């Protein structure tokens, strides 16, 4: 099992054996010849599931593999871009922290309606505006963005709107 991107693949055999692998190339599984393994791919909070491939074929996040020979499986995840910084390069990010890290003084960081599981550290001598609660186009307010973690302001300033922190 090889995982590209950020997520977890969980396998369970018809005999009830469990196996999980996250964010890497995984060791051989403990399953035996003839076992039927149900594999389920789950992205982490900042990723999207794309595909299971090789012995699994397709875009479904679950497949069944029968072990009648060595089988290779890969899971593919991609970033779930929920943050945009218009004057940065690149402009889209999966986390608010990544957006901040690529911002310049005076930048506005737009965050879509989403829950961000991160501890933010703003530690640069600059001022940024974080404008949360945006829709998919980053143009209109659609609610609030939520940070499940903390915000630490080491230096500089942050002007924040439509952002819930808890």
N, C-alpha and C. Protein backbone atom coordinates (compact mmCIF):
# COMPACT_ATOMS: atom_id res chain seq x y z
N UNK A 1 0.85 -1.18 0.00
CA UNK A 1 0.00 0.00 0.00
C UNK A 1 0.89 1.23 0.00
N UNK A 2 0.63 2.13 -0.92
CA UNK A 2 1.32 3.41 -0.96
C UNK A 2 0.26 4.50 -0.95
N UNK A 3 0.48 5.52 -0.15
CA UNK A 3 -0.46 6.63 -0.06
C UNK A 3 0.21 7.88 -0.59
N UNK A 4 -0.44 8.54 -1.54
CA UNK A 4 0.03 9.80 -2.09
C UNK A 4 -0.90 10.89 -1.60
N UNK A 5 -0.38 11.87 -0.89
CA UNK A 5 -1.20 12.91 -0.30
C UNK A 5 -1.44 12.58 1.16
N UNK A 6 -2.48 13.16 1.73
CA UNK A 6 -2.73 13.01 3.16
C UNK A 6 -4.06 12.34 3.43
N UNK A 7 -3.98 11.14 3.97
CA UNK A 7 -5.17 10.38 4.31
C UNK A 7 -4.78 9.05 4.91
N UNK A 8 -5.79 8.24 5.16
CA UNK A 8 -5.60 6.93 5.78
C UNK A 8 -6.35 5.89 4.96
N UNK A 9 -5.76 4.70 4.86
CA UNK A 9 -6.46 3.57 4.27
C UNK A 9 -6.59 2.52 5.35
N UNK A 10 -7.82 2.09 5.57
CA UNK A 10 -8.11 1.07 6.56
C UNK A 10 -8.56 -0.19 5.82
N UNK A 11 -8.03 -1.32 6.22
CA UNK A 11 -8.42 -2.60 5.64
C UNK A 11 -8.95 -3.53 6.70
N UNK A 12 -9.97 -4.30 6.34
CA UNK A 12 -10.50 -5.32 7.23
C UNK A 12 -10.78 -6.56 6.40
N UNK A 13 -10.33 -7.71 6.91
CA UNK A 13 -10.52 -8.96 6.18
C UNK A 13 -11.85 -9.58 6.57
N UNK A 14 -12.27 -10.58 5.78
CA UNK A 14 -13.50 -11.30 6.11
C UNK A 14 -13.35 -12.06 7.42
N UNK A 15 -12.09 -12.28 7.89
CA UNK A 15 -11.85 -12.93 9.18
C UNK A 15 -11.78 -11.91 10.32
N UNK A 16 -11.97 -10.63 10.02
CA UNK A 16 -11.99 -9.61 11.06
C UNK A 16 -10.65 -9.00 11.40
N UNK A 17 -9.59 -9.31 10.64
CA UNK A 17 -8.29 -8.69 10.88
C UNK A 17 -8.32 -7.25 10.39
N UNK A 18 -7.73 -6.34 11.16
CA UNK A 18 -7.71 -4.92 10.82
C UNK A 18 -6.31 -4.47 10.45
N UNK A 19 -6.26 -3.43 9.62
CA UNK A 19 -4.99 -2.87 9.19
C UNK A 19 -5.24 -1.41 8.82
N UNK A 20 -4.38 -0.51 9.28
CA UNK A 20 -4.48 0.90 8.91
C UNK A 20 -3.12 1.43 8.50
N UNK A 21 -3.12 2.35 7.56
CA UNK A 21 -1.90 2.95 7.06
C UNK A 21 -2.20 4.41 6.76
N UNK A 22 -1.30 5.30 7.16
CA UNK A 22 -1.53 6.72 6.94
C UNK A 22 -0.31 7.41 6.34
N UNK A 23 -0.55 8.20 5.30
CA UNK A 23 0.40 9.18 4.78
C UNK A 23 1.78 8.66 4.41
N UNK A 24 1.89 7.45 3.92
CA UNK A 24 3.23 6.94 3.60
C UNK A 24 3.14 5.65 2.80
N UNK A 25 4.32 5.06 2.62
CA UNK A 25 4.39 3.72 2.06
C UNK A 25 4.28 2.76 3.24
N UNK A 26 3.37 1.84 3.16
CA UNK A 26 3.05 1.00 4.31
C UNK A 26 3.72 -0.36 4.22
N UNK A 27 3.97 -0.97 5.35
CA UNK A 27 4.56 -2.30 5.34
C UNK A 27 3.57 -3.32 4.80
N UNK A 28 4.05 -4.52 4.46
CA UNK A 28 3.14 -5.56 3.98
C UNK A 28 2.02 -5.82 5.00
N UNK A 29 0.88 -6.19 4.49
CA UNK A 29 -0.27 -6.43 5.36
C UNK A 29 -0.18 -7.79 6.03
N UNK A 30 -0.88 -7.96 7.14
CA UNK A 30 -0.86 -9.24 7.86
C UNK A 30 -1.88 -10.24 7.33
N UNK A 31 -2.47 -10.01 6.17
CA UNK A 31 -3.51 -10.87 5.66
C UNK A 31 -2.92 -12.07 4.94
N UNK A 32 -3.71 -13.14 4.85
CA UNK A 32 -3.24 -14.38 4.24
C UNK A 32 -3.83 -14.63 2.86
N UNK A 33 -3.30 -15.66 2.20
CA UNK A 33 -3.74 -16.07 0.87
C UNK A 33 -5.24 -16.36 0.89
N UNK A 34 -5.95 -15.83 -0.08
CA UNK A 34 -7.38 -16.06 -0.22
C UNK A 34 -8.25 -15.10 0.58
N UNK A 35 -7.65 -14.32 1.48
CA UNK A 35 -8.45 -13.35 2.25
C UNK A 35 -9.07 -12.31 1.32
N UNK A 36 -10.28 -11.92 1.64
CA UNK A 36 -10.93 -10.79 0.96
C UNK A 36 -10.82 -9.60 1.90
N UNK A 37 -10.20 -8.56 1.40
CA UNK A 37 -9.94 -7.37 2.20
C UNK A 37 -10.78 -6.22 1.67
N UNK A 38 -11.54 -5.59 2.55
CA UNK A 38 -12.25 -4.38 2.19
C UNK A 38 -11.38 -3.20 2.59
N UNK A 39 -10.98 -2.41 1.61
CA UNK A 39 -10.15 -1.24 1.84
C UNK A 39 -11.00 0.02 1.74
N UNK A 40 -10.82 0.92 2.68
CA UNK A 40 -11.54 2.20 2.68
C UNK A 40 -10.54 3.32 2.84
N UNK A 41 -10.54 4.26 1.91
CA UNK A 41 -9.65 5.42 1.94
C UNK A 41 -10.39 6.63 2.48
N UNK A 42 -9.76 7.31 3.45
CA UNK A 42 -10.37 8.47 4.08
C UNK A 42 -9.36 9.62 4.09
N UNK A 43 -9.70 10.75 3.47
CA UNK A 43 -8.77 11.88 3.47
C UNK A 43 -8.71 12.53 4.85
N UNK A 44 -7.58 13.22 5.15
CA UNK A 44 -7.54 14.00 6.37
C UNK A 44 -8.33 15.29 6.14
N UNK A 45 -8.39 16.16 7.13
CA UNK A 45 -9.27 17.34 7.07
C UNK A 45 -8.90 18.33 5.97
N UNK A 46 -7.66 18.29 5.50
CA UNK A 46 -7.25 19.27 4.49
C UNK A 46 -7.02 18.65 3.11
N UNK A 47 -7.61 17.48 2.89
CA UNK A 47 -7.40 16.77 1.63
C UNK A 47 -8.71 16.26 1.06
N UNK A 48 -8.65 15.88 -0.21
CA UNK A 48 -9.78 15.27 -0.92
C UNK A 48 -9.35 13.90 -1.42
N UNK A 49 -10.24 12.94 -1.37
CA UNK A 49 -9.98 11.62 -1.95
C UNK A 49 -10.08 11.73 -3.46
N UNK A 50 -9.10 11.12 -4.17
CA UNK A 50 -9.11 11.11 -5.63
C UNK A 50 -9.40 9.71 -6.16
N UNK A 51 -8.58 8.71 -5.75
CA UNK A 51 -8.76 7.37 -6.30
C UNK A 51 -8.00 6.33 -5.49
N UNK A 52 -8.49 5.10 -5.57
CA UNK A 52 -7.73 3.91 -5.19
C UNK A 52 -7.31 3.27 -6.50
N UNK A 53 -6.08 2.82 -6.60
CA UNK A 53 -5.63 2.30 -7.88
C UNK A 53 -4.83 1.02 -7.76
N UNK A 54 -4.48 0.47 -8.89
CA UNK A 54 -3.76 -0.78 -9.08
C UNK A 54 -4.73 -1.93 -8.84
N UNK A 55 -4.60 -2.68 -7.73
CA UNK A 55 -5.52 -3.80 -7.49
C UNK A 55 -6.94 -3.30 -7.28
N UNK A 56 -7.08 -2.07 -6.80
CA UNK A 56 -8.38 -1.40 -6.74
C UNK A 56 -8.43 -0.49 -7.95
N UNK A 57 -9.56 -0.40 -8.59
CA UNK A 57 -9.62 0.41 -9.79
C UNK A 57 -10.83 1.30 -9.74
N UNK A 58 -10.61 2.60 -9.70
CA UNK A 58 -11.73 3.49 -9.81
C UNK A 58 -11.71 4.63 -8.82
N UNK A 59 -12.80 5.36 -8.84
CA UNK A 59 -12.89 6.56 -8.03
C UNK A 59 -13.65 6.34 -6.72
N UNK A 60 -14.15 5.12 -6.48
CA UNK A 60 -14.82 4.85 -5.20
C UNK A 60 -13.77 4.76 -4.10
N UNK A 61 -14.12 5.23 -2.91
CA UNK A 61 -13.15 5.22 -1.82
C UNK A 61 -13.12 3.88 -1.09
N UNK A 62 -13.91 2.91 -1.54
CA UNK A 62 -13.91 1.57 -0.95
C UNK A 62 -13.81 0.53 -2.07
N UNK A 63 -13.02 -0.51 -1.83
CA UNK A 63 -12.96 -1.62 -2.79
C UNK A 63 -12.63 -2.89 -2.02
N UNK A 64 -12.88 -4.03 -2.67
CA UNK A 64 -12.57 -5.33 -2.10
C UNK A 64 -11.48 -5.98 -2.95
N UNK A 65 -10.43 -6.45 -2.29
CA UNK A 65 -9.31 -7.10 -2.96
C UNK A 65 -9.24 -8.53 -2.44
N UNK A 66 -9.18 -9.51 -3.34
CA UNK A 66 -8.99 -10.90 -2.96
C UNK A 66 -7.51 -11.25 -3.14
N UNK A 67 -6.90 -11.74 -2.08
CA UNK A 67 -5.46 -12.00 -2.10
C UNK A 67 -5.16 -13.40 -2.63
N UNK A 68 -5.14 -13.50 -3.95
CA UNK A 68 -4.76 -14.76 -4.60
C UNK A 68 -3.35 -14.65 -5.18
N UNK A 69 -2.74 -13.50 -5.02
CA UNK A 69 -1.37 -13.22 -5.44
C UNK A 69 -0.96 -11.93 -4.74
N UNK A 70 0.31 -11.55 -4.88
CA UNK A 70 0.73 -10.25 -4.35
C UNK A 70 -0.08 -9.16 -5.03
N UNK A 71 -0.59 -8.25 -4.24
CA UNK A 71 -1.39 -7.15 -4.78
C UNK A 71 -0.79 -5.83 -4.32
N UNK A 72 -0.71 -4.89 -5.23
CA UNK A 72 -0.30 -3.53 -4.90
C UNK A 72 -1.51 -2.63 -5.01
N UNK A 73 -1.64 -1.75 -4.05
CA UNK A 73 -2.74 -0.79 -4.05
C UNK A 73 -2.14 0.57 -3.71
N UNK A 74 -2.65 1.60 -4.36
CA UNK A 74 -2.27 2.94 -3.93
C UNK A 74 -3.52 3.76 -3.72
N UNK A 75 -3.40 4.73 -2.83
CA UNK A 75 -4.47 5.69 -2.57
C UNK A 75 -3.95 7.07 -2.94
N UNK A 76 -4.78 7.85 -3.60
CA UNK A 76 -4.38 9.17 -4.05
C UNK A 76 -5.31 10.22 -3.43
N UNK A 77 -4.69 11.17 -2.74
CA UNK A 77 -5.41 12.29 -2.14
C UNK A 77 -4.79 13.57 -2.68
N UNK A 78 -5.57 14.64 -2.75
CA UNK A 78 -5.03 15.94 -3.18
C UNK A 78 -5.43 16.99 -2.15
N UNK A 79 -4.72 18.12 -2.14
CA UNK A 79 -5.08 19.18 -1.20
C UNK A 79 -6.50 19.68 -1.44
N UNK A 80 -7.19 19.99 -0.36
CA UNK A 80 -8.52 20.58 -0.42
C UNK A 80 -8.33 22.09 -0.23
N UNK A 81 -8.18 22.80 -1.33
CA UNK A 81 -7.91 24.23 -1.26
C UNK A 81 -9.13 24.97 -0.74
N UNK A 82 -9.00 25.55 0.45
CA UNK A 82 -10.08 26.28 1.11
C UNK A 82 -9.67 27.70 1.47
N UNK A 83 -8.43 28.06 1.12
CA UNK A 83 -7.89 29.37 1.48
C UNK A 83 -7.28 30.00 0.23
N UNK A 84 -7.51 31.29 0.07
CA UNK A 84 -6.93 32.00 -1.07
C UNK A 84 -6.27 33.29 -0.59
N UNK A 85 -5.08 33.55 -1.11
CA UNK A 85 -4.36 34.80 -0.88
C UNK A 85 -4.08 35.37 -2.27
N UNK A 86 -4.88 36.33 -2.73
CA UNK A 86 -4.81 36.79 -4.12
C UNK A 86 -3.44 37.26 -4.58
N UNK A 87 -2.64 37.88 -3.74
CA UNK A 87 -1.36 38.43 -4.19
C UNK A 87 -0.17 37.55 -3.83
N UNK A 88 -0.41 36.29 -3.53
CA UNK A 88 0.66 35.36 -3.17
C UNK A 88 0.88 34.38 -4.32
N UNK A 89 1.96 33.62 -4.22
CA UNK A 89 2.19 32.55 -5.18
C UNK A 89 2.58 31.30 -4.43
N UNK A 90 1.90 30.20 -4.57
CA UNK A 90 0.62 30.08 -5.30
C UNK A 90 -0.47 30.84 -4.56
N UNK A 91 -1.64 30.91 -5.15
CA UNK A 91 -2.71 31.69 -4.53
C UNK A 91 -3.63 30.86 -3.64
N UNK A 92 -3.71 29.55 -3.84
CA UNK A 92 -4.65 28.70 -3.09
C UNK A 92 -3.91 27.75 -2.17
N UNK A 93 -4.50 27.55 -0.98
CA UNK A 93 -3.88 26.75 0.08
C UNK A 93 -4.92 25.89 0.77
N UNK A 94 -4.46 24.83 1.43
CA UNK A 94 -5.35 23.95 2.17
C UNK A 94 -5.54 24.41 3.61
N UNK A 95 -4.63 25.24 4.12
CA UNK A 95 -4.72 25.68 5.51
C UNK A 95 -4.54 27.19 5.60
N UNK A 96 -5.08 27.76 6.67
CA UNK A 96 -4.90 29.18 6.91
C UNK A 96 -3.42 29.48 7.19
N UNK A 97 -2.74 28.59 7.92
CA UNK A 97 -1.33 28.79 8.23
C UNK A 97 -0.50 28.86 6.95
N UNK A 98 -0.77 27.97 5.99
CA UNK A 98 -0.04 28.03 4.72
C UNK A 98 -0.29 29.35 4.00
N UNK A 99 -1.53 29.82 4.04
CA UNK A 99 -1.84 31.12 3.44
C UNK A 99 -1.07 32.24 4.11
N UNK A 100 -1.04 32.23 5.44
CA UNK A 100 -0.28 33.24 6.18
C UNK A 100 1.21 33.16 5.85
N UNK A 101 1.74 31.95 5.82
CA UNK A 101 3.18 31.77 5.58
C UNK A 101 3.62 32.31 4.22
N UNK A 102 2.68 32.40 3.26
CA UNK A 102 3.01 32.90 1.92
C UNK A 102 2.51 34.32 1.68
N UNK A 103 2.00 34.95 2.73
CA UNK A 103 1.46 36.31 2.61
C UNK A 103 2.54 37.37 2.77
N UNK A 104 2.24 38.52 2.22
CA UNK A 104 3.08 39.70 2.41
C UNK A 104 2.32 40.69 3.30
N UNK A 105 3.02 41.67 3.80
CA UNK A 105 2.40 42.70 4.62
C UNK A 105 1.24 43.33 3.85
N UNK A 106 0.09 43.44 4.51
CA UNK A 106 -1.10 44.03 3.91
C UNK A 106 -1.98 43.04 3.16
N UNK A 107 -1.60 41.77 3.12
CA UNK A 107 -2.38 40.76 2.40
C UNK A 107 -3.71 40.48 3.08
N UNK A 108 -4.67 40.05 2.28
CA UNK A 108 -5.93 39.53 2.80
C UNK A 108 -5.97 38.03 2.52
N UNK A 109 -6.27 37.28 3.55
CA UNK A 109 -6.39 35.82 3.45
C UNK A 109 -7.88 35.51 3.49
N UNK A 110 -8.39 34.92 2.41
CA UNK A 110 -9.80 34.55 2.35
C UNK A 110 -9.92 33.06 2.68
N UNK A 111 -10.85 32.72 3.57
CA UNK A 111 -11.08 31.32 3.95
C UNK A 111 -12.54 30.97 3.69
N UNK A 112 -12.74 29.82 3.06
CA UNK A 112 -14.10 29.36 2.80
C UNK A 112 -14.76 28.87 4.09
N UNK A 113 -16.07 28.70 4.02
CA UNK A 113 -16.79 28.08 5.14
C UNK A 113 -16.23 26.67 5.28
N UNK A 114 -15.55 26.41 6.37
CA UNK A 114 -14.87 25.14 6.58
C UNK A 114 -14.42 25.10 8.03
N UNK A 115 -14.12 23.92 8.53
CA UNK A 115 -13.48 23.79 9.84
C UNK A 115 -12.02 23.46 9.61
N UNK A 116 -11.15 24.29 10.15
CA UNK A 116 -9.70 24.15 10.02
C UNK A 116 -9.16 23.62 11.35
N UNK A 117 -8.56 22.45 11.34
CA UNK A 117 -8.03 21.83 12.55
C UNK A 117 -6.54 22.16 12.63
N UNK A 118 -6.24 23.36 13.12
CA UNK A 118 -4.86 23.79 13.16
C UNK A 118 -4.64 24.83 14.25
N UNK A 119 -3.42 24.88 14.75
CA UNK A 119 -2.99 25.94 15.65
C UNK A 119 -2.23 26.95 14.80
N UNK A 120 -2.72 28.18 14.79
CA UNK A 120 -2.14 29.21 13.94
C UNK A 120 -1.09 29.99 14.72
N UNK A 121 0.03 30.25 14.09
CA UNK A 121 1.10 31.04 14.67
C UNK A 121 1.42 32.18 13.72
N UNK A 122 1.04 33.39 14.12
CA UNK A 122 1.32 34.58 13.34
C UNK A 122 2.52 35.25 14.01
N UNK A 123 3.69 35.11 13.41
CA UNK A 123 4.92 35.54 14.08
C UNK A 123 5.82 36.36 13.17
N UNK A 124 5.20 37.14 12.27
CA UNK A 124 5.99 37.99 11.38
C UNK A 124 5.56 39.44 11.58
N UNK A 125 6.49 40.35 11.42
CA UNK A 125 6.23 41.77 11.61
C UNK A 125 5.46 42.33 10.41
N UNK A 126 4.18 41.99 10.36
CA UNK A 126 3.33 42.46 9.26
C UNK A 126 1.88 42.43 9.72
N UNK A 127 1.04 43.05 8.94
CA UNK A 127 -0.40 43.07 9.21
C UNK A 127 -1.10 42.30 8.09
N UNK A 128 -1.96 41.35 8.49
CA UNK A 128 -2.77 40.61 7.52
C UNK A 128 -4.23 40.71 7.95
N UNK A 129 -5.11 40.55 6.98
CA UNK A 129 -6.54 40.48 7.25
C UNK A 129 -6.99 39.07 6.91
N UNK A 130 -7.70 38.45 7.84
CA UNK A 130 -8.27 37.13 7.59
C UNK A 130 -9.77 37.32 7.46
N UNK A 131 -10.28 37.03 6.29
CA UNK A 131 -11.69 37.21 5.98
C UNK A 131 -12.29 35.83 5.77
N UNK A 132 -12.94 35.29 6.79
CA UNK A 132 -13.49 33.94 6.74
C UNK A 132 -14.92 33.90 6.24
N UNK A 133 -15.45 32.69 6.18
CA UNK A 133 -16.86 32.49 5.83
C UNK A 133 -17.20 32.69 4.38
N UNK A 134 -16.22 32.56 3.50
CA UNK A 134 -16.47 32.81 2.08
C UNK A 134 -17.06 31.58 1.38
N UNK A 135 -17.76 31.83 0.28
CA UNK A 135 -18.27 30.74 -0.54
C UNK A 135 -17.15 30.21 -1.43
N UNK A 136 -17.45 29.28 -2.32
CA UNK A 136 -16.45 28.65 -3.17
C UNK A 136 -15.74 29.58 -4.13
N UNK A 137 -16.34 30.74 -4.42
CA UNK A 137 -15.70 31.71 -5.31
C UNK A 137 -14.85 32.71 -4.54
N UNK A 138 -14.89 32.66 -3.22
CA UNK A 138 -14.18 33.57 -2.32
C UNK A 138 -14.71 35.00 -2.43
N UNK A 139 -15.86 35.18 -3.05
CA UNK A 139 -16.39 36.53 -3.26
C UNK A 139 -17.44 36.91 -2.23
N UNK A 140 -18.32 35.99 -1.91
CA UNK A 140 -19.47 36.32 -1.08
C UNK A 140 -19.38 35.64 0.28
N UNK A 141 -19.90 36.34 1.29
CA UNK A 141 -19.97 35.75 2.62
C UNK A 141 -21.06 34.68 2.62
N UNK A 142 -20.72 33.51 3.14
CA UNK A 142 -21.68 32.41 3.17
C UNK A 142 -21.85 31.88 4.59
N UNK A 143 -21.18 32.47 5.56
CA UNK A 143 -21.26 32.01 6.95
C UNK A 143 -19.96 32.33 7.67
N UNK A 144 -19.46 31.34 8.38
CA UNK A 144 -18.24 31.51 9.17
C UNK A 144 -17.25 30.39 8.88
N UNK A 145 -15.99 30.70 9.02
CA UNK A 145 -14.94 29.68 9.03
C UNK A 145 -14.64 29.41 10.50
N UNK A 146 -14.28 28.17 10.80
CA UNK A 146 -14.00 27.79 12.18
C UNK A 146 -12.58 27.25 12.28
N UNK A 147 -11.85 27.70 13.29
CA UNK A 147 -10.54 27.15 13.61
C UNK A 147 -10.70 26.34 14.88
N UNK A 148 -10.48 25.03 14.78
CA UNK A 148 -10.47 24.16 15.96
C UNK A 148 -9.03 24.06 16.40
N UNK A 149 -8.61 25.00 17.21
CA UNK A 149 -7.23 25.11 17.65
C UNK A 149 -7.04 26.47 18.27
N UNK A 150 -5.87 27.03 18.10
CA UNK A 150 -5.56 28.31 18.72
C UNK A 150 -4.96 29.26 17.71
N UNK A 151 -4.98 30.54 18.07
CA UNK A 151 -4.26 31.56 17.30
C UNK A 151 -3.29 32.22 18.26
N UNK A 152 -2.02 32.19 17.90
CA UNK A 152 -1.00 32.88 18.69
C UNK A 152 -0.44 34.00 17.84
N UNK A 153 -0.50 35.22 18.37
CA UNK A 153 0.04 36.39 17.67
C UNK A 153 1.35 36.75 18.33
N UNK A 154 2.46 36.35 17.69
CA UNK A 154 3.79 36.60 18.23
C UNK A 154 4.26 38.02 17.95
N UNK A 155 3.99 38.49 16.76
CA UNK A 155 4.29 39.87 16.38
C UNK A 155 3.42 40.23 15.19
N UNK A 156 3.38 41.51 14.86
CA UNK A 156 2.53 41.96 13.79
C UNK A 156 1.10 42.12 14.26
N UNK A 157 0.18 42.12 13.29
CA UNK A 157 -1.24 42.30 13.61
C UNK A 157 -2.08 41.46 12.66
N UNK A 158 -3.22 41.04 13.16
CA UNK A 158 -4.18 40.29 12.36
C UNK A 158 -5.56 40.91 12.56
N UNK A 159 -6.18 41.29 11.46
CA UNK A 159 -7.54 41.80 11.47
C UNK A 159 -8.41 40.63 11.02
N UNK A 160 -9.37 40.24 11.85
CA UNK A 160 -10.09 39.00 11.62
C UNK A 160 -11.59 39.27 11.52
N UNK A 161 -12.23 38.63 10.53
CA UNK A 161 -13.67 38.72 10.38
C UNK A 161 -14.26 37.38 9.96
N UNK A 162 -15.44 37.07 10.45
CA UNK A 162 -16.18 35.85 10.14
C UNK A 162 -15.36 34.59 10.43
N UNK A 163 -14.68 34.60 11.57
CA UNK A 163 -13.86 33.46 11.97
C UNK A 163 -14.17 33.12 13.41
N UNK A 164 -14.52 31.85 13.65
CA UNK A 164 -14.78 31.36 15.00
C UNK A 164 -13.59 30.51 15.41
N UNK A 165 -13.07 30.76 16.60
CA UNK A 165 -11.93 30.00 17.12
C UNK A 165 -12.38 29.30 18.38
N UNK A 166 -12.20 27.96 18.41
CA UNK A 166 -12.50 27.20 19.64
C UNK A 166 -11.77 25.91 19.66
